Amino acid sequence: MAFSPISPFFFVFDKQKDQWRVATSDAMTTQQSLTNFGFKFGKSGAHDSRTMMLPELRALFSRTDINTSRQQYREHIVDLNCLDKPTSSARKLTAGHLVDLYGLSEDIPLFRIFRRLWELRPEGQPLLALQLAAARDPLFRLSVPLILELQPGEPLQREQTEAVLMAQDPNRFSPSSLKSFAQNINGSWTQAGFLQGRIKKSRAEPIVTEINVAFALFQAYLNGLSGQRLFSTEWCKLLDCRFERLLELSRLASQRGLITLKHSSEVIEVDFPDFLTSTERAWLHE
């Protein structure tokens, strides 16, 4: 399953308007709106320092609730040391990395819905964390095509990930940095269930649930897409499922009241009734 050769997640830069947009004919979402929703752009990301930090995220959420503010998250990490870090510096760095990767603010739509879905299916949490990390870390996004093109059981060498990272700019990273970044990225794919093995890694199949499909469809929706196009975006491809399985899980998500789904013959309608405020919905057409 190959990703778009234009860009890993349909993002292309419109030189005439000096802004990012989605690489589809009917999409209207601009870079500013995508940024408001919680997507991040650039060349660097949290994976230049850490993995997606799934154990820390789970520990943090086990001590907080969906109404926790960013400041309160920070207080739990830095002041209360809920993640059991050895020094004040380590606690502050951890807080910074988690904010970078996930946002940790209910004012960010992607994080707000991510946090709401998190509690519903623990088995879907590893992939859910990776879905949000992919939206917020441009460095990590570079590795997505590589992993999805691997067949189950096929080995992955660290050097393959390094090659992907330096493909666009061979002189950008030092050899030591490349090694560290590749290890972090491969570590996140392992945490999410796409890779297995501590040292020698090979492709595995992650657990995909209805919360993952609901979130992927929402990510595509924020990019200005609708209907059946939602299911063919890179956000759904990240789940590595056949269309029939995606549709089955989307029906389950609809039955649980997470989304609304109408499917008749070739027509598919998906909506997210309470995911966005009226102000946030207006961003879709700016």
Foldseek 3Di string as FASTA:
>chain_A
DFADPQALFQWDADPVVRWIAGNDDQAAFTRVLLVQLPFADDQFALLLPAALCLVQVVQLPVVDALPQALVNSLCCQQVVVSVVDDDNVVSVVVSVRNCQQQVRHCSNLLNSLLRVLCVVDVLQNLVSSVLSSCRRGNQLSLCQRVLLPADFFAWDDLVVSLCSNCVVPVPPDDPVSSSSSSVSSVVSCVSQAQWDDDHTIGGGQGDDALSQLLSQLVSVVSSRDWKPVSCVGSSNVSNVDDSVVSVVRPVVCCVVVQWPWDDDDRTIGIGGVPSDDPVSVVSSND
